[in-house]
Amino acid sequence: MFKRKIERVINQYFDGARQSGKTYIIRKLSKANFENYIEINLKDDFDNDRVFEKVKSVKDFYLQVSLIDSAILNNKDDTIIFLDEIQVYPHLLTLLKPLNQDAKYTYIVSGSLLGITLKHTFIPMGSIYETAATMELTAYGHELYYFDSKKVGEVDFLINDYANVSILPIEIKSGNDQYDYRAIPKLVDKNGNYKLKKGYIFGNKNIVEYNNDLITLPIYLIMFV
């Protein structure tokens, strides 16, 4: 279940200052959830052979990656490729969309100046919030699960609620869709099938609200769950 959650958020962008722990977290989560882990530091490539400087197509990219580790060709579904310091080669950003639509591998991208490099590129904030929540909850030792039901809907995270001997559902929202959810109220409904004690909704609005057993909080408070 946790791997399923990782696959939903890991094909996104990690942005942050140097020495902020991005690479450590990426390595730890990737190696724990995928059999094959390939890390490509594009800054090192730029300082040496610059093979990825010449990459102009998805085919070229796969060729270079296969030269690094040909074993991935036989195990595509359980392979994650980490592209670090991608700001060195801005032209590779144009390949991210076709690469992320490719079902062969899972990708994760990081760069200290990525926010500047992508200033004219749309990044879905919902995915970024989910990524941040995944990193934060995992850092505090929570095992993450994902709820999805055709009748009820989906909830981003389920974690153990030891204090209430129950399960705690967590929904991550961004922008104006902070109140756009349908599944989590059904999970905490005392007259429903699940009858969970409470649920959390985290978003980018600086508000604290209590609505029966649903608690809405700013995203930065997720560290206190």
Protein backbone atom coordinates (compact mmCIF):
# COMPACT_ATOMS: atom_id res chain seq x y z
CA MET A 1 0.00 0.00 0.00
CA PHE A 2 2.81 2.42 0.86
CA LYS A 3 4.53 1.77 -2.44
CA ARG A 4 1.29 2.64 -4.22
CA LYS A 5 1.26 5.96 -2.37
CA ILE A 6 4.90 6.64 -3.23
CA GLU A 7 4.22 6.00 -6.92
CA ARG A 8 1.43 8.57 -6.90
CA VAL A 9 3.63 11.39 -5.64
CA ILE A 10 7.14 10.53 -6.64
CA ASN A 11 6.80 11.48 -10.32
CA GLN A 12 6.92 15.13 -9.27
CA TYR A 13 9.44 17.85 -8.40
CA PHE A 14 11.53 18.32 -5.27
CA ASP A 15 12.69 21.88 -4.69
CA GLY A 16 14.83 23.24 -1.87
CA ALA A 17 18.12 24.71 -0.75
CA ARG A 18 21.36 22.77 -0.66
CA GLN A 19 22.01 20.55 2.36
CA SER A 20 18.32 20.58 3.30
CA GLY A 21 18.01 16.78 3.26
CA LYS A 22 16.29 16.33 -0.12
CA THR A 23 18.70 13.73 -1.46
CA TYR A 24 18.78 11.72 1.76
CA ILE A 25 14.99 11.45 1.89
CA ILE A 26 14.72 10.59 -1.79
CA ARG A 27 17.33 7.84 -1.52
CA LYS A 28 15.80 6.34 1.60
CA LEU A 29 12.25 6.22 0.27
CA SER A 30 13.30 5.04 -3.18
CA LYS A 31 15.53 2.21 -2.02
CA ALA A 32 12.93 1.04 0.46
CA ASN A 33 10.18 0.81 -2.13
CA PHE A 34 11.86 -0.15 -5.41
CA GLU A 35 14.13 -3.06 -6.27
CA ASN A 36 16.25 -0.99 -8.64
CA TYR A 37 17.44 2.51 -7.78
CA ILE A 38 19.39 4.62 -10.27
CA GLU A 39 20.76 8.00 -9.26
CA ILE A 40 22.10 10.39 -11.89
CA ASN A 41 23.82 13.55 -10.67
CA LEU A 42 23.65 15.90 -13.62
CA LYS A 43 26.10 18.33 -12.05
CA ASP A 44 28.72 15.56 -12.02
CA ASP A 45 27.87 14.80 -15.62
CA PHE A 46 28.27 18.47 -16.54
CA ASP A 47 31.68 18.60 -14.84
CA ASN A 48 32.87 15.51 -16.71
CA ASP A 49 31.68 13.85 -19.93
CA ARG A 50 28.45 15.84 -20.40
CA VAL A 51 26.66 12.91 -21.98
CA PHE A 52 23.23 14.18 -20.92
CA GLU A 53 23.95 17.55 -22.47
CA LYS A 54 23.47 15.88 -25.85
CA VAL A 55 20.17 14.21 -24.91
CA LYS A 56 17.39 15.70 -27.01
CA SER A 57 14.75 12.97 -27.05
CA VAL A 58 13.23 10.29 -24.84
CA LYS A 59 15.03 7.64 -26.89
CA ASP A 60 18.39 9.36 -26.28
CA PHE A 61 17.63 9.56 -22.58
CA TYR A 62 16.82 5.85 -22.26
CA LEU A 63 19.97 5.00 -24.18
CA GLN A 64 22.18 6.89 -21.74
CA VAL A 65 20.40 5.42 -18.71
CA SER A 66 20.74 1.89 -20.07
CA LEU A 67 24.50 2.46 -20.41
CA ILE A 68 24.60 3.25 -16.70
CA ASP A 69 22.65 0.15 -15.69
CA SER A 70 21.41 -2.22 -18.37
CA ALA A 71 19.61 -4.36 -15.75
CA ILE A 72 16.73 -1.89 -15.62
CA LEU A 73 15.64 -2.96 -19.09
CA ASN A 74 14.49 -6.27 -17.64
CA ASN A 75 12.66 -4.84 -14.62
CA LYS A 76 10.88 -1.67 -15.67
CA ASP A 77 7.99 -1.84 -13.22
CA ASP A 78 10.23 -1.91 -10.14
CA THR A 79 12.79 0.69 -11.15
CA ILE A 80 13.06 4.30 -10.00
CA ILE A 81 15.34 6.84 -11.66
CA PHE A 82 16.46 9.86 -9.63
CA LEU A 83 17.68 12.87 -11.62
CA ASP A 84 19.55 15.18 -9.24
CA GLU A 85 20.67 18.77 -9.96
CA ILE A 86 18.51 18.97 -13.05
CA GLN A 87 18.88 22.76 -13.14
CA VAL A 88 22.24 22.14 -14.82
CA TYR A 89 20.44 20.97 -17.96
CA PRO A 90 17.23 23.01 -18.32
CA HIS A 91 16.54 21.40 -21.70
CA LEU A 92 15.85 18.10 -19.92
CA LEU A 93 12.82 19.70 -18.31
CA THR A 94 11.04 19.47 -21.66
CA LEU A 95 11.43 15.69 -21.47
CA LEU A 96 9.73 15.40 -18.09
CA LYS A 97 6.20 15.31 -19.45
CA PRO A 98 6.74 12.44 -21.90
CA LEU A 99 8.92 10.63 -19.36
CA ASN A 100 6.26 10.92 -16.63
CA GLN A 101 3.61 9.68 -19.06
CA ASP A 102 5.82 6.66 -19.82
CA ALA A 103 4.65 3.63 -17.84
CA LYS A 104 8.06 1.97 -18.05
CA TYR A 105 9.76 3.58 -15.07
CA THR A 106 9.14 5.85 -12.10
CA TYR A 107 11.03 9.14 -11.98
CA ILE A 108 11.91 11.68 -9.33
CA VAL A 109 13.61 15.00 -10.04
CA SER A 110 15.50 17.32 -7.70
CA GLY A 111 17.41 20.57 -8.02
CA SER A 112 18.58 23.35 -5.74
CA LEU A 113 17.52 26.03 -8.22
CA LEU A 114 14.52 24.19 -9.62
CA GLY A 115 12.09 26.86 -8.50
CA ILE A 116 13.93 29.43 -10.61
CA THR A 117 14.37 27.12 -13.57
CA LEU A 118 10.67 26.29 -13.61
CA LYS A 119 9.33 29.81 -13.13
CA HIS A 120 7.46 29.60 -16.44
CA THR A 121 6.43 25.96 -16.02
CA PHE A 122 3.16 24.88 -14.41
CA ILE A 123 3.59 22.59 -11.43
CA PRO A 124 0.44 21.07 -9.85
CA MET A 125 0.42 22.34 -6.27
CA GLY A 126 -1.71 19.44 -5.09
CA SER A 127 1.04 17.00 -6.00
CA ILE A 128 3.67 19.14 -4.29
CA TYR A 129 1.58 19.26 -1.12
CA GLU A 130 1.15 15.49 -1.20
CA THR A 131 4.88 15.06 -1.65
CA ALA A 132 5.64 17.34 1.30
CA ALA A 133 3.10 15.49 3.44
CA THR A 134 4.60 12.13 2.49
CA MET A 135 8.08 13.28 3.47
CA GLU A 136 6.92 14.82 6.75
CA LEU A 137 4.77 11.91 7.89
CA THR A 138 7.43 9.38 6.95
CA ALA A 139 10.10 11.39 8.78
CA TYR A 140 8.05 11.06 11.97
CA GLY A 141 7.76 7.30 11.61
CA HIS A 142 4.23 6.94 10.28
CA GLU A 143 3.39 4.04 7.99
CA LEU A 144 1.36 5.45 5.12
CA TYR A 145 -1.63 3.82 3.48
CA TYR A 146 -4.04 4.96 0.80
CA PHE A 147 -7.82 4.55 0.72
CA ASP A 148 -9.71 4.17 -2.56
CA SER A 149 -13.28 2.93 -3.03
CA LYS A 150 -15.60 3.31 -5.99
CA LYS A 151 -18.55 3.90 -3.69
CA VAL A 152 -16.85 6.15 -1.13
CA GLY A 153 -14.02 7.85 -3.01
CA GLU A 154 -10.37 8.23 -2.11
CA VAL A 155 -8.40 9.65 0.81
CA ASP A 156 -4.76 10.64 0.46
CA PHE A 157 -3.38 9.01 3.63
CA LEU A 158 -4.36 6.58 6.34
CA ILE A 159 -2.13 6.28 9.40
CA ASN A 160 -2.44 4.47 12.72
CA ASP A 161 -4.31 6.37 15.44
CA TYR A 162 -2.82 4.64 18.46
CA ALA A 163 -4.43 6.97 21.02
CA ASN A 164 -7.92 5.98 19.90
CA VAL A 165 -7.04 2.44 18.75
CA SER A 166 -8.29 3.45 15.34
CA ILE A 167 -7.23 4.69 11.92
CA LEU A 168 -6.66 8.37 11.15
CA PRO A 169 -7.60 9.56 7.63
CA ILE A 170 -5.74 12.59 6.23
CA GLU A 171 -6.70 14.63 3.18
CA ILE A 172 -4.26 17.07 1.54
CA LYS A 173 -5.74 20.04 -0.30
CA SER A 174 -4.34 23.10 -2.06
CA GLY A 175 -5.69 26.31 -3.53
CA ASN A 176 -9.43 26.88 -3.76
CA ASP A 177 -10.28 23.18 -3.62
CA GLN A 178 -9.55 22.90 0.10
CA TYR A 179 -13.18 22.05 0.82
CA ASP A 180 -13.63 19.83 -2.22
CA TYR A 181 -13.69 16.36 -0.71
CA ARG A 182 -16.29 13.61 -0.47
CA ALA A 183 -14.69 10.49 0.97
CA ILE A 184 -13.25 11.58 4.31
CA PRO A 185 -16.60 12.70 5.83
CA LYS A 186 -17.97 9.23 5.12
CA LEU A 187 -15.07 7.62 6.98
CA VAL A 188 -15.75 9.61 10.17
CA ASP A 189 -19.55 9.45 9.94
CA LYS A 190 -20.83 7.86 13.15
CA ASN A 191 -23.78 6.45 11.21
CA GLY A 192 -21.63 5.15 8.36
CA ASN A 193 -19.79 1.91 7.79
CA TYR A 194 -16.34 2.98 9.00
CA LYS A 195 -17.02 5.14 12.09
CA LEU A 196 -13.47 6.46 12.46
CA LYS A 197 -12.89 8.76 15.43
CA LYS A 198 -11.70 11.82 13.48
CA GLY A 199 -10.08 13.01 10.28
CA TYR A 200 -7.62 15.77 9.30
CA ILE A 201 -7.73 18.05 6.27
CA PHE A 202 -4.53 20.02 5.58
CA GLY A 203 -4.37 22.92 3.13
CA ASN A 204 -2.58 26.15 2.34
CA LYS A 205 -5.10 28.41 4.09
CA ASN A 206 -4.07 29.67 7.52
CA ILE A 207 -7.23 28.51 9.28
CA VAL A 208 -8.19 26.07 12.01
CA GLU A 209 -11.72 24.69 11.82
CA TYR A 210 -13.62 21.95 13.60
CA ASN A 211 -16.58 20.45 11.77
CA ASN A 212 -17.92 17.59 13.84
CA ASP A 213 -15.09 15.03 13.65
CA LEU A 214 -13.25 16.72 10.76
CA ILE A 215 -10.40 19.08 11.65
CA THR A 216 -9.05 21.53 9.04
CA LEU A 217 -5.51 22.83 9.61
CA PRO A 218 -2.71 24.66 7.73
CA ILE A 219 -0.33 22.31 5.92
CA TYR A 220 2.65 23.34 8.05
CA LEU A 221 1.00 21.82 11.13
CA ILE A 222 1.16 18.31 9.70
CA MET A 223 4.39 17.79 11.65
CA PHE A 224 2.33 17.60 14.86
CA VAL A 225 0.10 14.73 13.77
